Amino acid sequence: LDKGLYAGIIGFVLIIIFMMSYYRGLGLIS
């Protein structure tokens, strides 16, 4: 269970980094 949550947090952070670097202001709103 802990590993599943850990994987979810890592995926969430990577999504945020990609959206903000590619879509700029739109990524922040996303």
Full PDB file with SEQRES, HELIX, SHEET, SSBOND, CRYST1, ORIGX, SCALE, CONECT and MASTER records, all heavy atoms in Angstrom:
SEQRES   1 A   30  LEU ASP LYS GLY LEU TYR ALA GLY ILE ILE GLY PHE VAL          
SEQRES   2 A   30  LEU ILE ILE ILE PHE MET MET SER TYR TYR ARG GLY LEU          
SEQRES   3 A   30  GLY LEU ILE SER                                              
HELIX    1 AA1 ASP A    2  TYR A   23  1                                  22    
HELIX    2 AA2 GLY A   25  ILE A   29  1                                   5    
CRYST1    1.000    1.000    1.000  90.00  90.00  90.00 P 1           1          
ORIGX1      1.000000  0.000000  0.000000        0.00000                         
ORIGX2      0.000000  1.000000  0.000000        0.00000                         
ORIGX3      0.000000  0.000000  1.000000        0.00000                         
SCALE1      1.000000  0.000000  0.000000        0.00000                         
SCALE2      0.000000  1.000000  0.000000        0.00000                         
SCALE3      0.000000  0.000000  1.000000        0.00000                         
ATOM      1  N   LEU A   1       0.824  -1.202   0.000  1.00  0.00           N  
ATOM      2  CA  LEU A   1       0.000   0.000   0.000  1.00  0.00           C  
ATOM      3  C   LEU A   1       0.863   1.257   0.000  1.00  0.00           C  
ATOM      4  O   LEU A   1       0.602   2.213  -0.746  1.00  0.00           O  
ATOM      5  CB  LEU A   1      -0.923  -0.010   1.217  1.00  0.00           C  
ATOM      6  CG  LEU A   1      -1.939   1.133   1.325  1.00  0.00           C  
ATOM      7  CD1 LEU A   1      -2.896   1.106   0.146  1.00  0.00           C  
ATOM      8  CD2 LEU A   1      -2.704   1.036   2.632  1.00  0.00           C  
ATOM      9  N   ASP A   2       1.913   1.262   0.812  1.00  0.00           N  
ATOM     10  CA  ASP A   2       2.809   2.419   0.869  1.00  0.00           C  
ATOM     11  C   ASP A   2       3.509   2.639  -0.466  1.00  0.00           C  
ATOM     12  O   ASP A   2       3.676   3.778  -0.919  1.00  0.00           O  
ATOM     13  CB  ASP A   2       3.847   2.221   1.971  1.00  0.00           C  
ATOM     14  CG  ASP A   2       3.225   2.286   3.365  1.00  0.00           C  
ATOM     15  OD1 ASP A   2       2.113   2.838   3.480  1.00  0.00           O  
ATOM     16  OD2 ASP A   2       3.835   1.766   4.311  1.00  0.00           O  
ATOM     17  N   LYS A   3       3.934   1.558  -1.115  1.00  0.00           N  
ATOM     18  CA  LYS A   3       4.595   1.694  -2.408  1.00  0.00           C  
ATOM     19  C   LYS A   3       3.630   2.222  -3.468  1.00  0.00           C  
ATOM     20  O   LYS A   3       4.029   2.993  -4.350  1.00  0.00           O  
ATOM     21  CB  LYS A   3       5.175   0.340  -2.845  1.00  0.00           C  
ATOM     22  CG  LYS A   3       6.403  -0.071  -2.043  1.00  0.00           C  
ATOM     23  CD  LYS A   3       6.989  -1.374  -2.563  1.00  0.00           C  
ATOM     24  CE  LYS A   3       8.253  -1.743  -1.793  1.00  0.00           C  
ATOM     25  NZ  LYS A   3       8.838  -3.034  -2.261  1.00  0.00           N  
ATOM     26  N   GLY A   4       2.359   1.792  -3.389  1.00  0.00           N  
ATOM     27  CA  GLY A   4       1.365   2.307  -4.335  1.00  0.00           C  
ATOM     28  C   GLY A   4       1.153   3.799  -4.161  1.00  0.00           C  
ATOM     29  O   GLY A   4       1.091   4.557  -5.137  1.00  0.00           O  
ATOM     30  N   LEU A   5       1.052   4.254  -2.902  1.00  0.00           N  
ATOM     31  CA  LEU A   5       0.909   5.687  -2.635  1.00  0.00           C  
ATOM     32  C   LEU A   5       2.154   6.456  -3.066  1.00  0.00           C  
ATOM     33  O   LEU A   5       2.058   7.559  -3.622  1.00  0.00           O  
ATOM     34  CB  LEU A   5       0.648   5.905  -1.139  1.00  0.00           C  
ATOM     35  CG  LEU A   5      -0.710   5.443  -0.615  1.00  0.00           C  
ATOM     36  CD1 LEU A   5      -0.758   5.578   0.903  1.00  0.00           C  
ATOM     37  CD2 LEU A   5      -1.840   6.236  -1.247  1.00  0.00           C  
ATOM     38  N   TYR A   6       3.312   5.880  -2.821  1.00  0.00           N  
ATOM     39  CA  TYR A   6       4.575   6.520  -3.206  1.00  0.00           C  
ATOM     40  C   TYR A   6       4.653   6.683  -4.719  1.00  0.00           C  
ATOM     41  O   TYR A   6       5.042   7.741  -5.234  1.00  0.00           O  
ATOM     42  CB  TYR A   6       5.739   5.671  -2.696  1.00  0.00           C  
ATOM     43  CG  TYR A   6       7.098   6.278  -2.910  1.00  0.00           C  
ATOM     44  CD1 TYR A   6       7.469   7.454  -2.263  1.00  0.00           C  
ATOM     45  CD2 TYR A   6       8.027   5.669  -3.754  1.00  0.00           C  
ATOM     46  CE1 TYR A   6       8.723   8.007  -2.460  1.00  0.00           C  
ATOM     47  CE2 TYR A   6       9.279   6.217  -3.957  1.00  0.00           C  
ATOM     48  CZ  TYR A   6       9.634   7.392  -3.302  1.00  0.00           C  
ATOM     49  OH  TYR A   6      10.866   7.942  -3.511  1.00  0.00           O  
ATOM     50  N   ALA A   7       4.262   5.642  -5.453  1.00  0.00           N  
ATOM     51  CA  ALA A   7       4.254   5.728  -6.911  1.00  0.00           C  
ATOM     52  C   ALA A   7       3.271   6.785  -7.405  1.00  0.00           C  
ATOM     53  O   ALA A   7       3.546   7.524  -8.357  1.00  0.00           O  
ATOM     54  CB  ALA A   7       3.905   4.362  -7.518  1.00  0.00           C  
ATOM     55  N   GLY A   8       2.111   6.877  -6.740  1.00  0.00           N  
ATOM     56  CA  GLY A   8       1.128   7.882  -7.123  1.00  0.00           C  
ATOM     57  C   GLY A   8       1.634   9.297  -6.905  1.00  0.00           C  
ATOM     58  O   GLY A   8       1.419  10.190  -7.736  1.00  0.00           O  
ATOM     59  N   ILE A   9       2.339   9.523  -5.793  1.00  0.00           N  
ATOM     60  CA  ILE A   9       2.889  10.860  -5.509  1.00  0.00           C  
ATOM     61  C   ILE A   9       3.953  11.230  -6.536  1.00  0.00           C  
ATOM     62  O   ILE A   9       3.985  12.369  -7.036  1.00  0.00           O  
ATOM     63  CB  ILE A   9       3.464  10.897  -4.078  1.00  0.00           C  
ATOM     64  CG1 ILE A   9       2.334  10.760  -3.051  1.00  0.00           C  
ATOM     65  CG2 ILE A   9       4.227  12.198  -3.840  1.00  0.00           C  
ATOM     66  CD1 ILE A   9       2.821  10.618  -1.628  1.00  0.00           C  
ATOM     67  N   ILE A  10       4.829  10.286  -6.865  1.00  0.00           N  
ATOM     68  CA  ILE A  10       5.865  10.565  -7.864  1.00  0.00           C  
ATOM     69  C   ILE A  10       5.238  10.894  -9.214  1.00  0.00           C  
ATOM     70  O   ILE A  10       5.635  11.858  -9.895  1.00  0.00           O  
ATOM     71  CB  ILE A  10       6.819   9.351  -7.992  1.00  0.00           C  
ATOM     72  CG1 ILE A  10       7.630   9.176  -6.715  1.00  0.00           C  
ATOM     73  CG2 ILE A  10       7.750   9.526  -9.186  1.00  0.00           C  
ATOM     74  CD1 ILE A  10       8.536   7.971  -6.723  1.00  0.00           C  
ATOM     75  N   GLY A  11       4.241  10.113  -9.625  1.00  0.00           N  
ATOM     76  CA  GLY A  11       3.562  10.387 -10.889  1.00  0.00           C  
ATOM     77  C   GLY A  11       2.879  11.739 -10.888  1.00  0.00           C  
ATOM     78  O   GLY A  11       2.926  12.476 -11.885  1.00  0.00           O  
ATOM     79  N   PHE A  12       2.275  12.111  -9.762  1.00  0.00           N  
ATOM     80  CA  PHE A  12       1.593  13.408  -9.656  1.00  0.00           C  
ATOM     81  C   PHE A  12       2.593  14.556  -9.795  1.00  0.00           C  
ATOM     82  O   PHE A  12       2.332  15.545 -10.504  1.00  0.00           O  
ATOM     83  CB  PHE A  12       0.872  13.483  -8.311  1.00  0.00           C  
ATOM     84  CG  PHE A  12       0.038  14.713  -8.130  1.00  0.00           C  
ATOM     85  CD1 PHE A  12      -1.169  14.855  -8.786  1.00  0.00           C  
ATOM     86  CD2 PHE A  12       0.466  15.742  -7.308  1.00  0.00           C  
ATOM     87  CE1 PHE A  12      -1.946  15.993  -8.625  1.00  0.00           C  
ATOM     88  CE2 PHE A  12      -0.295  16.878  -7.140  1.00  0.00           C  
ATOM     89  CZ  PHE A  12      -1.504  17.005  -7.800  1.00  0.00           C  
ATOM     90  N   VAL A  13       3.743  14.437  -9.137  1.00  0.00           N  
ATOM     91  CA  VAL A  13       4.766  15.488  -9.218  1.00  0.00           C  
ATOM     92  C   VAL A  13       5.315  15.602 -10.634  1.00  0.00           C  
ATOM     93  O   VAL A  13       5.513  16.715 -11.158  1.00  0.00           O  
ATOM     94  CB  VAL A  13       5.903  15.201  -8.210  1.00  0.00           C  
ATOM     95  CG1 VAL A  13       7.063  16.167  -8.416  1.00  0.00           C  
ATOM     96  CG2 VAL A  13       5.386  15.301  -6.781  1.00  0.00           C  
ATOM     97  N   LEU A  14       5.563  14.485 -11.303  1.00  0.00           N  
ATOM     98  CA  LEU A  14       6.070  14.521 -12.669  1.00  0.00           C  
ATOM     99  C   LEU A  14       5.057  15.157 -13.625  1.00  0.00           C  
ATOM    100  O   LEU A  14       5.436  15.896 -14.557  1.00  0.00           O  
ATOM    101  CB  LEU A  14       6.413  13.099 -13.145  1.00  0.00           C  
ATOM    102  CG  LEU A  14       7.607  12.440 -12.445  1.00  0.00           C  
ATOM    103  CD1 LEU A  14       7.777  11.004 -12.940  1.00  0.00           C  
ATOM    104  CD2 LEU A  14       8.882  13.234 -12.697  1.00  0.00           C  
ATOM    105  N   ILE A  15       3.781  14.882 -13.408  1.00  0.00           N  
ATOM    106  CA  ILE A  15       2.731  15.498 -14.227  1.00  0.00           C  
ATOM    107  C   ILE A  15       2.740  17.015 -14.059  1.00  0.00           C  
ATOM    108  O   ILE A  15       2.654  17.771 -15.034  1.00  0.00           O  
ATOM    109  CB  ILE A  15       1.351  14.923 -13.855  1.00  0.00           C  
ATOM    110  CG1 ILE A  15       1.228  13.490 -14.344  1.00  0.00           C  
ATOM    111  CG2 ILE A  15       0.228  15.774 -14.459  1.00  0.00           C  
ATOM    112  CD1 ILE A  15      -0.030  12.791 -13.871  1.00  0.00           C  
ATOM    113  N   ILE A  16       2.873  17.473 -12.818  1.00  0.00           N  
ATOM    114  CA  ILE A  16       2.899  18.912 -12.553  1.00  0.00           C  
ATOM    115  C   ILE A  16       4.092  19.566 -13.240  1.00  0.00           C  
ATOM    116  O   ILE A  16       3.985  20.630 -13.872  1.00  0.00           O  
ATOM    117  CB  ILE A  16       2.942  19.172 -11.037  1.00  0.00           C  
ATOM    118  CG1 ILE A  16       1.607  18.767 -10.395  1.00  0.00           C  
ATOM    119  CG2 ILE A  16       3.242  20.640 -10.746  1.00  0.00           C  
ATOM    120  CD1 ILE A  16       1.598  18.903  -8.889  1.00  0.00           C  
ATOM    121  N   ILE A  17       5.263  18.932 -13.147  1.00  0.00           N  
ATOM    122  CA  ILE A  17       6.470  19.487 -13.777  1.00  0.00           C  
ATOM    123  C   ILE A  17       6.300  19.589 -15.291  1.00  0.00           C  
ATOM    124  O   ILE A  17       6.643  20.610 -15.913  1.00  0.00           O  
ATOM    125  CB  ILE A  17       7.699  18.615 -13.428  1.00  0.00           C  
ATOM    126  CG1 ILE A  17       8.000  18.712 -11.926  1.00  0.00           C  
ATOM    127  CG2 ILE A  17       8.916  19.055 -14.241  1.00  0.00           C  
ATOM    128  CD1 ILE A  17       9.100  17.781 -11.466  1.00  0.00           C  
ATOM    129  N   PHE A  18       5.756  18.545 -15.902  1.00  0.00           N  
ATOM    130  CA  PHE A  18       5.566  18.563 -17.352  1.00  0.00           C  
ATOM    131  C   PHE A  18       4.565  19.641 -17.775  1.00  0.00           C  
ATOM    132  O   PHE A  18       4.818  20.403 -18.720  1.00  0.00           O  
ATOM    133  CB  PHE A  18       5.084  17.193 -17.831  1.00  0.00           C  
ATOM    134  CG  PHE A  18       4.646  17.187 -19.269  1.00  0.00           C  
ATOM    135  CD1 PHE A  18       5.580  17.156 -20.285  1.00  0.00           C  
ATOM    136  CD2 PHE A  18       3.295  17.220 -19.598  1.00  0.00           C  
ATOM    137  CE1 PHE A  18       5.183  17.166 -21.613  1.00  0.00           C  
ATOM    138  CE2 PHE A  18       2.892  17.235 -20.921  1.00  0.00           C  
ATOM    139  CZ  PHE A  18       3.840  17.204 -21.933  1.00  0.00           C  
ATOM    140  N   MET A  19       3.427  19.713 -17.088  1.00  0.00           N  
ATOM    141  CA  MET A  19       2.395  20.671 -17.471  1.00  0.00           C  
ATOM    142  C   MET A  19       2.888  22.105 -17.331  1.00  0.00           C  
ATOM    143  O   MET A  19       2.625  22.954 -18.200  1.00  0.00           O  
ATOM    144  CB  MET A  19       1.146  20.455 -16.616  1.00  0.00           C  
ATOM    145  CG  MET A  19       0.433  19.130 -16.852  1.00  0.00           C  
ATOM    146  SD  MET A  19      -0.204  18.931 -18.523  1.00  0.00           S  
ATOM    147  CE  MET A  19      -1.534  20.133 -18.527  1.00  0.00           C  
ATOM    148  N   MET A  20       3.614  22.407 -16.278  1.00  0.00           N  
ATOM    149  CA  MET A  20       4.069  23.774 -16.063  1.00  0.00           C  
ATOM    150  C   MET A  20       5.208  24.152 -17.001  1.00  0.00           C  
ATOM    151  O   MET A  20       5.333  25.309 -17.404  1.00  0.00           O  
ATOM    152  CB  MET A  20       4.500  23.964 -14.599  1.00  0.00           C  
ATOM    153  CG  MET A  20       3.362  23.840 -13.613  1.00  0.00           C  
ATOM    154  SD  MET A  20       3.815  24.279 -11.911  1.00  0.00           S  
ATOM    155  CE  MET A  20       4.172  26.016 -12.103  1.00  0.00           C  
ATOM    156  N   SER A  21       6.030  23.189 -17.379  1.00  0.00           N  
ATOM    157  CA  SER A  21       7.138  23.498 -18.291  1.00  0.00           C  
ATOM    158  C   SER A  21       6.674  23.600 -19.745  1.00  0.00           C  
ATOM    159  O   SER A  21       7.247  24.369 -20.525  1.00  0.00           O  
ATOM    160  CB  SER A  21       8.216  22.412 -18.182  1.00  0.00           C  
ATOM    161  OG  SER A  21       7.695  21.145 -18.548  1.00  0.00           O  
ATOM    162  N   TYR A  22       5.633  22.883 -20.119  1.00  0.00           N  
ATOM    163  CA  TYR A  22       5.191  22.874 -21.515  1.00  0.00           C  
ATOM    164  C   TYR A  22       4.078  23.877 -21.781  1.00  0.00           C  
ATOM    165  O   TYR A  22       4.051  24.521 -22.830  1.00  0.00           O  
ATOM    166  CB  TYR A  22       4.722  21.470 -21.896  1.00  0.00           C  
ATOM    167  CG  TYR A  22       4.418  21.317 -23.370  1.00  0.00           C  
ATOM    168  CD1 TYR A  22       5.441  21.188 -24.301  1.00  0.00           C  
ATOM    169  CD2 TYR A  22       3.099  21.289 -23.834  1.00  0.00           C  
ATOM    170  CE1 TYR A  22       5.176  21.049 -25.656  1.00  0.00           C  
ATOM    171  CE2 TYR A  22       2.827  21.155 -25.184  1.00  0.00           C  
ATOM    172  CZ  TYR A  22       3.860  21.031 -26.084  1.00  0.00           C  
ATOM    173  OH  TYR A  22       3.580  20.904 -27.427  1.00  0.00           O  
ATOM    174  N   TYR A  23       3.146  24.021 -20.828  1.00  0.00           N  
ATOM    175  CA  TYR A  23       1.986  24.883 -21.054  1.00  0.00           C  
ATOM    176  C   TYR A  23       2.055  26.216 -20.299  1.00  0.00           C  
ATOM    177  O   TYR A  23       1.112  27.001 -20.363  1.00  0.00           O  
ATOM    178  CB  TYR A  23       0.706  24.139 -20.661  1.00  0.00           C  
ATOM    179  CG  TYR A  23       0.323  23.062 -21.637  1.00  0.00           C  
ATOM    180  CD1 TYR A  23       0.562  21.732 -21.349  1.00  0.00           C  
ATOM    181  CD2 TYR A  23      -0.267  23.369 -22.860  1.00  0.00           C  
ATOM    182  CE1 TYR A  23       0.220  20.728 -22.245  1.00  0.00           C  
ATOM    183  CE2 TYR A  23      -0.614  22.373 -23.754  1.00  0.00           C  
ATOM    184  CZ  TYR A  23      -0.368  21.057 -23.445  1.00  0.00           C  
ATOM    185  OH  TYR A  23      -0.711  20.067 -24.333  1.00  0.00           O  
ATOM    186  N   ARG A  24       3.145  26.453 -19.561  1.00  0.00           N  
ATOM    187  CA  ARG A  24       3.372  27.727 -18.885  1.00  0.00           C  
ATOM    188  C   ARG A  24       2.197  28.089 -17.970  1.00  0.00           C  
ATOM    189  O   ARG A  24       1.902  27.397 -17.020  1.00  0.00           O  
ATOM    190  CB  ARG A  24       3.627  28.839 -19.920  1.00  0.00           C  
ATOM    191  CG  ARG A  24       4.738  28.511 -20.896  1.00  0.00           C  
ATOM    192  CD  ARG A  24       6.056  28.338 -20.184  1.00  0.00           C  
ATOM    193  NE  ARG A  24       7.113  27.985 -21.098  1.00  0.00           N  
ATOM    194  CZ  ARG A  24       7.858  28.859 -21.767  1.00  0.00           C  
ATOM    195  NH1 ARG A  24       7.639  30.161 -21.617  1.00  0.00           N  
ATOM    196  NH2 ARG A  24       8.832  28.439 -22.574  1.00  0.00           N  
ATOM    197  N   GLY A  25       1.534  29.205 -18.245  1.00  0.00           N  
ATOM    198  CA  GLY A  25       0.434  29.648 -17.401  1.00  0.00           C  
ATOM    199  C   GLY A  25      -0.713  28.660 -17.357  1.00  0.00           C  
ATOM    200  O   GLY A  25      -1.350  28.454 -16.308  1.00  0.00           O  
ATOM    201  N   LEU A  26      -1.004  28.036 -18.478  1.00  0.00           N  
ATOM    202  CA  LEU A  26      -2.059  27.024 -18.502  1.00  0.00           C  
ATOM    203  C   LEU A  26      -1.699  25.836 -17.612  1.00  0.00           C  
ATOM    204  O   LEU A  26      -2.557  25.244 -16.962  1.00  0.00           O  
ATOM    205  CB  LEU A  26      -2.300  26.547 -19.942  1.00  0.00           C  
ATOM    206  CG  LEU A  26      -2.855  27.576 -20.927  1.00  0.00           C  
ATOM    207  CD1 LEU A  26      -2.996  26.957 -22.310  1.00  0.00           C  
ATOM    208  CD2 LEU A  26      -4.205  28.096 -20.452  1.00  0.00           C  
ATOM    209  N   GLY A  27      -0.414  25.499 -17.589  1.00  0.00           N  
ATOM    210  CA  GLY A  27       0.032  24.409 -16.740  1.00  0.00           C  
ATOM    211  C   GLY A  27      -0.145  24.718 -15.263  1.00  0.00           C  
ATOM    212  O   GLY A  27      -0.485  23.836 -14.465  1.00  0.00           O  
ATOM    213  N   LEU A  28       0.059  25.987 -14.887  1.00  0.00           N  
ATOM    214  CA  LEU A  28      -0.157  26.396 -13.497  1.00  0.00           C  
ATOM    215  C   LEU A  28      -1.628  26.244 -13.108  1.00  0.00           C  
ATOM    216  O   LEU A  28      -1.953  25.735 -12.033  1.00  0.00           O  
ATOM    217  CB  LEU A  28       0.292  27.847 -13.311  1.00  0.00           C  
ATOM    218  CG  LEU A  28       0.067  28.446 -11.914  1.00  0.00           C  
ATOM    219  CD1 LEU A  28       0.831  27.664 -10.864  1.00  0.00           C  
ATOM    220  CD2 LEU A  28       0.474  29.911 -11.901  1.00  0.00           C  
ATOM    221  N   ILE A  29      -2.506  26.665 -14.005  1.00  0.00           N  
ATOM    222  CA  ILE A  29      -3.940  26.530 -13.734  1.00  0.00           C  
ATOM    223  C   ILE A  29      -4.334  25.053 -13.691  1.00  0.00           C  
ATOM    224  O   ILE A  29      -5.164  24.634 -12.874  1.00  0.00           O  
ATOM    225  CB  ILE A  29      -4.746  27.288 -14.794  1.00  0.00           C  
ATOM    226  CG1 ILE A  29      -4.487  28.790 -14.661  1.00  0.00           C  
ATOM    227  CG2 ILE A  29      -6.245  26.994 -14.673  1.00  0.00           C  
ATOM    228  CD1 ILE A  29      -5.149  29.630 -15.710  1.00  0.00           C  
ATOM    229  N   SER A  30      -3.741  24.266 -14.568  1.00  0.00           N  
ATOM    230  CA  SER A  30      -4.010  22.829 -14.549  1.00  0.00           C  
ATOM    231  C   SER A  30      -3.564  22.205 -13.230  1.00  0.00           C  
ATOM    232  O   SER A  30      -4.248  21.335 -12.674  1.00  0.00           O  
ATOM    233  CB  SER A  30      -3.282  22.149 -15.710  1.00  0.00           C  
ATOM    234  OG  SER A  30      -3.429  20.749 -15.652  1.00  0.00           O  
TER     235      SER A  30                                                      
MASTER        0    0    0    2    0    0    0    6  234    1    0    3          
END                                                                             
